[in-house]
C-alpha atoms as a PDB file:
ATOM      1  CA  MET A   1     -10.094   8.001   7.400  1.00  0.00           C
ATOM      2  CA  SER A   2      -9.971  11.505   8.954  1.00  0.00           C
ATOM      3  CA  PRO A   3     -13.131  11.829  10.265  1.00  0.00           C
ATOM      4  CA  GLN A   4     -12.990  15.959   8.925  1.00  0.00           C
ATOM      5  CA  ASN A   5     -12.325  14.649   5.432  1.00  0.00           C
ATOM      6  CA  PRO A   6     -13.324  11.319   4.652  1.00  0.00           C
ATOM      7  CA  SER A   7     -10.713  10.640   1.355  1.00  0.00           C
ATOM      8  CA  VAL A   8      -8.158  11.051   3.024  1.00  0.00           C
ATOM      9  CA  CYS A   9      -6.080   9.056   5.642  1.00  0.00           C
ATOM     10  CA  ARG A  10      -3.039  10.309   7.169  1.00  0.00           C
ATOM     11  CA  PHE A  11      -0.901   7.658   8.919  1.00  0.00           C
ATOM     12  CA  GLY A  12       2.466   8.940  10.418  1.00  0.00           C
ATOM     13  CA  VAL A  13       4.410  11.565   8.449  1.00  0.00           C
ATOM     14  CA  PHE A  14       1.799  11.127   5.417  1.00  0.00           C
ATOM     15  CA  GLU A  15      -1.542  11.471   4.147  1.00  0.00           C
ATOM     16  CA  LEU A  16      -2.914   9.462   1.179  1.00  0.00           C
ATOM     17  CA  ASP A  17      -5.568  10.879  -0.641  1.00  0.00           C
ATOM     18  CA  LEU A  18      -7.678   9.027  -2.398  1.00  0.00           C
ATOM     19  CA  ARG A  19      -9.733  12.017  -4.737  1.00  0.00           C
ATOM     20  CA  ALA A  20      -5.820  13.213  -6.131  1.00  0.00           C
ATOM     21  CA  ALA A  21      -4.762   9.914  -5.711  1.00  0.00           C
ATOM     22  CA  GLU A  22      -1.138  11.604  -3.838  1.00  0.00           C
ATOM     23  CA  LEU A  23       1.312  10.778  -1.165  1.00  0.00           C
ATOM     24  CA  ARG A  24       2.279  13.199   0.711  1.00  0.00           C
ATOM     25  CA  LYS A  25       4.435  12.768   3.132  1.00  0.00           C
ATOM     26  CA  ASN A  26       4.878  16.299   5.256  1.00  0.00           C
ATOM     27  CA  GLY A  27       2.936  17.550   1.855  1.00  0.00           C
ATOM     28  CA  VAL A  28       4.908  17.388   0.002  1.00  0.00           C
ATOM     29  CA  LYS A  29       3.685  15.296  -2.950  1.00  0.00           C
ATOM     30  CA  LEU A  30       5.351  11.784  -3.443  1.00  0.00           C
ATOM     31  CA  ARG A  31       6.185  10.286  -6.423  1.00  0.00           C
ATOM     32  CA  LEU A  32       4.861   6.203  -6.538  1.00  0.00           C
ATOM     33  CA  GLN A  33       4.240   4.672  -9.455  1.00  0.00           C
ATOM     34  CA  ASP A  34       0.764   3.010 -10.541  1.00  0.00           C
ATOM     35  CA  GLN A  35       1.155  -0.427  -8.543  1.00  0.00           C
ATOM     36  CA  PRO A  36       2.957   0.543  -5.759  1.00  0.00           C
ATOM     37  CA  TYR A  37      -0.154   2.645  -5.447  1.00  0.00           C
ATOM     38  CA  HIS A  38      -3.060   0.757  -6.706  1.00  0.00           C
ATOM     39  CA  VAL A  39      -0.847  -2.295  -3.590  1.00  0.00           C
ATOM     40  CA  LEU A  40      -1.118   1.621  -0.581  1.00  0.00           C
ATOM     41  CA  LEU A  41      -5.429   1.316  -1.739  1.00  0.00           C
ATOM     42  CA  LYS A  42      -5.836  -1.854  -1.506  1.00  0.00           C
ATOM     43  CA  LEU A  43      -3.697  -2.156   1.798  1.00  0.00           C
ATOM     44  CA  VAL A  44      -5.727   0.756   3.546  1.00  0.00           C
ATOM     45  CA  GLU A  45      -9.536  -0.248   2.542  1.00  0.00           C
ATOM     46  CA  HIS A  46      -8.415  -3.479   4.649  1.00  0.00           C
ATOM     47  CA  HIS A  47      -6.130  -2.044   7.359  1.00  0.00           C
ATOM     48  CA  GLY A  48      -5.437  -3.950  10.330  1.00  0.00           C
ATOM     49  CA  GLU A  49      -6.224  -6.703   8.332  1.00  0.00           C
ATOM     50  CA  ILE A  50      -4.629  -9.502   6.602  1.00  0.00           C
ATOM     51  CA  VAL A  51      -4.216  -8.578   2.680  1.00  0.00           C
ATOM     52  CA  SER A  52      -3.527 -12.178   0.904  1.00  0.00           C
ATOM     53  CA  ARG A  53      -1.110 -12.327  -2.367  1.00  0.00           C
ATOM     54  CA  GLU A  54      -4.121 -13.383  -4.312  1.00  0.00           C
ATOM     55  CA  GLU A  55      -6.228 -10.651  -3.338  1.00  0.00           C
ATOM     56  CA  LEU A  56      -2.849  -7.927  -4.233  1.00  0.00           C
ATOM     57  CA  ARG A  57      -2.887  -8.936  -7.166  1.00  0.00           C
ATOM     58  CA  SER A  58      -5.806  -9.342  -8.123  1.00  0.00           C
ATOM     59  CA  THR A  59      -5.982  -5.602  -8.103  1.00  0.00           C
ATOM     60  CA  LEU A  60      -2.996  -5.669  -9.558  1.00  0.00           C
ATOM     61  CA  TRP A  61      -3.872  -7.423 -13.159  1.00  0.00           C
ATOM     62  CA  HIS A  62      -6.359  -8.837 -14.325  1.00  0.00           C
ATOM     63  CA  GLU A  63      -7.115 -12.723 -14.678  1.00  0.00           C
ATOM     64  CA  ASP A  64      -5.953 -12.941 -17.825  1.00  0.00           C
ATOM     65  CA  THR A  65      -2.656 -11.078 -17.710  1.00  0.00           C
ATOM     66  CA  PHE A  66       0.145 -13.280 -18.680  1.00  0.00           C
ATOM     67  CA  VAL A  67       2.890 -11.754 -16.046  1.00  0.00           C
ATOM     68  CA  ASP A  68       5.595 -12.872 -13.434  1.00  0.00           C
ATOM     69  CA  PHE A  69       2.886 -12.471 -10.607  1.00  0.00           C
ATOM     70  CA  GLU A  70       6.149 -13.296  -7.855  1.00  0.00           C
ATOM     71  CA  THR A  71       7.946 -11.080  -9.389  1.00  0.00           C
ATOM     72  CA  GLY A  72       5.698  -7.574  -9.819  1.00  0.00           C
ATOM     73  CA  LEU A  73       3.751  -7.674  -6.564  1.00  0.00           C
ATOM     74  CA  ASN A  74       7.393  -8.127  -4.406  1.00  0.00           C
ATOM     75  CA  THR A  75       9.416  -4.705  -6.926  1.00  0.00           C
ATOM     76  CA  ALA A  76       5.735  -3.605  -5.670  1.00  0.00           C
ATOM     77  CA  ILE A  77       5.642  -3.896  -2.263  1.00  0.00           C
ATOM     78  CA  LYS A  78       9.458  -3.316  -1.682  1.00  0.00           C
ATOM     79  CA  ARG A  79       9.034   0.304  -4.277  1.00  0.00           C
ATOM     80  CA  LEU A  80       6.027   1.427  -1.574  1.00  0.00           C
ATOM     81  CA  ARG A  81       8.447   0.669   1.550  1.00  0.00           C
ATOM     82  CA  GLU A  82      11.226   2.030   0.142  1.00  0.00           C
ATOM     83  CA  THR A  83       8.692   5.603  -0.411  1.00  0.00           C
ATOM     84  CA  LEU A  84       7.273   5.220   3.430  1.00  0.00           C
ATOM     85  CA  GLY A  85      11.086   4.704   4.467  1.00  0.00           C
ATOM     86  CA  ASP A  86       9.281   1.339   5.843  1.00  0.00           C
ATOM     87  CA  SER A  87      11.326  -2.433   6.250  1.00  0.00           C
ATOM     88  CA  ALA A  88      10.047  -5.574   5.918  1.00  0.00           C
ATOM     89  CA  ASP A  89      13.156  -6.226   8.615  1.00  0.00           C
ATOM     90  CA  SER A  90      11.822  -3.828  11.070  1.00  0.00           C
ATOM     91  CA  PRO A  91       7.953  -2.746   9.538  1.00  0.00           C
ATOM     92  CA  THR A  92       6.624   0.597  10.701  1.00  0.00           C
ATOM     93  CA  PHE A  93       3.843   0.578   8.467  1.00  0.00           C
ATOM     94  CA  ILE A  94       3.726  -3.030   6.292  1.00  0.00           C
ATOM     95  CA  GLU A  95       4.842  -6.539   8.289  1.00  0.00           C
ATOM     96  CA  GLY A  96       4.486  -9.756   5.984  1.00  0.00           C
ATOM     97  CA  ALA A  97       1.291 -12.182   7.937  1.00  0.00           C
ATOM     98  CA  LEU A  98       1.860 -15.495   7.608  1.00  0.00           C
ATOM     99  CA  ALA A  99       3.636 -16.424   4.015  1.00  0.00           C
ATOM    100  CA  SER A 100       1.005 -15.075   1.251  1.00  0.00           C
ATOM    101  CA  SER A 101      -0.357 -12.007   3.515  1.00  0.00           C
ATOM    102  CA  LEU A 102       0.130  -8.916   4.064  1.00  0.00           C
ATOM    103  CA  VAL A 103      -1.377  -5.815   7.008  1.00  0.00           C
ATOM    104  CA  LEU A 104      -0.869  -2.604   7.260  1.00  0.00           C
ATOM    105  CA  TRP A 105      -0.948  -1.097  10.547  1.00  0.00           C
ATOM    106  CA  LEU A 106      -1.654   2.557  10.211  1.00  0.00           C
ATOM    107  CA  TRP A 107      -4.502   4.210  11.684  1.00  0.00           C
ATOM    108  CA  CYS A 108      -6.638   6.344   9.638  1.00  0.00           C
END
């Protein structure tokens, strides 16, 4: 988090305003759907640490929700990567760690 504003996380050309629930690129608000946004929040909370797919599942869906978890999570991660201009093959921010986890490499 920014020392001047603990509710803002800056990484690269991006700025995540936690209070306003907005992701901006060079000051321009980006459209980010609910699930990709919550994936980003979870990864920001644990930046530099491994976050399991199970942790992400529990962030996105209640325990009694029946959903195709793998497809839903993969779609949310794909949309988040697209918004960040990131790629699974050549990651800048979100990197796969082991087969069932992700790591967000950013410094806020």
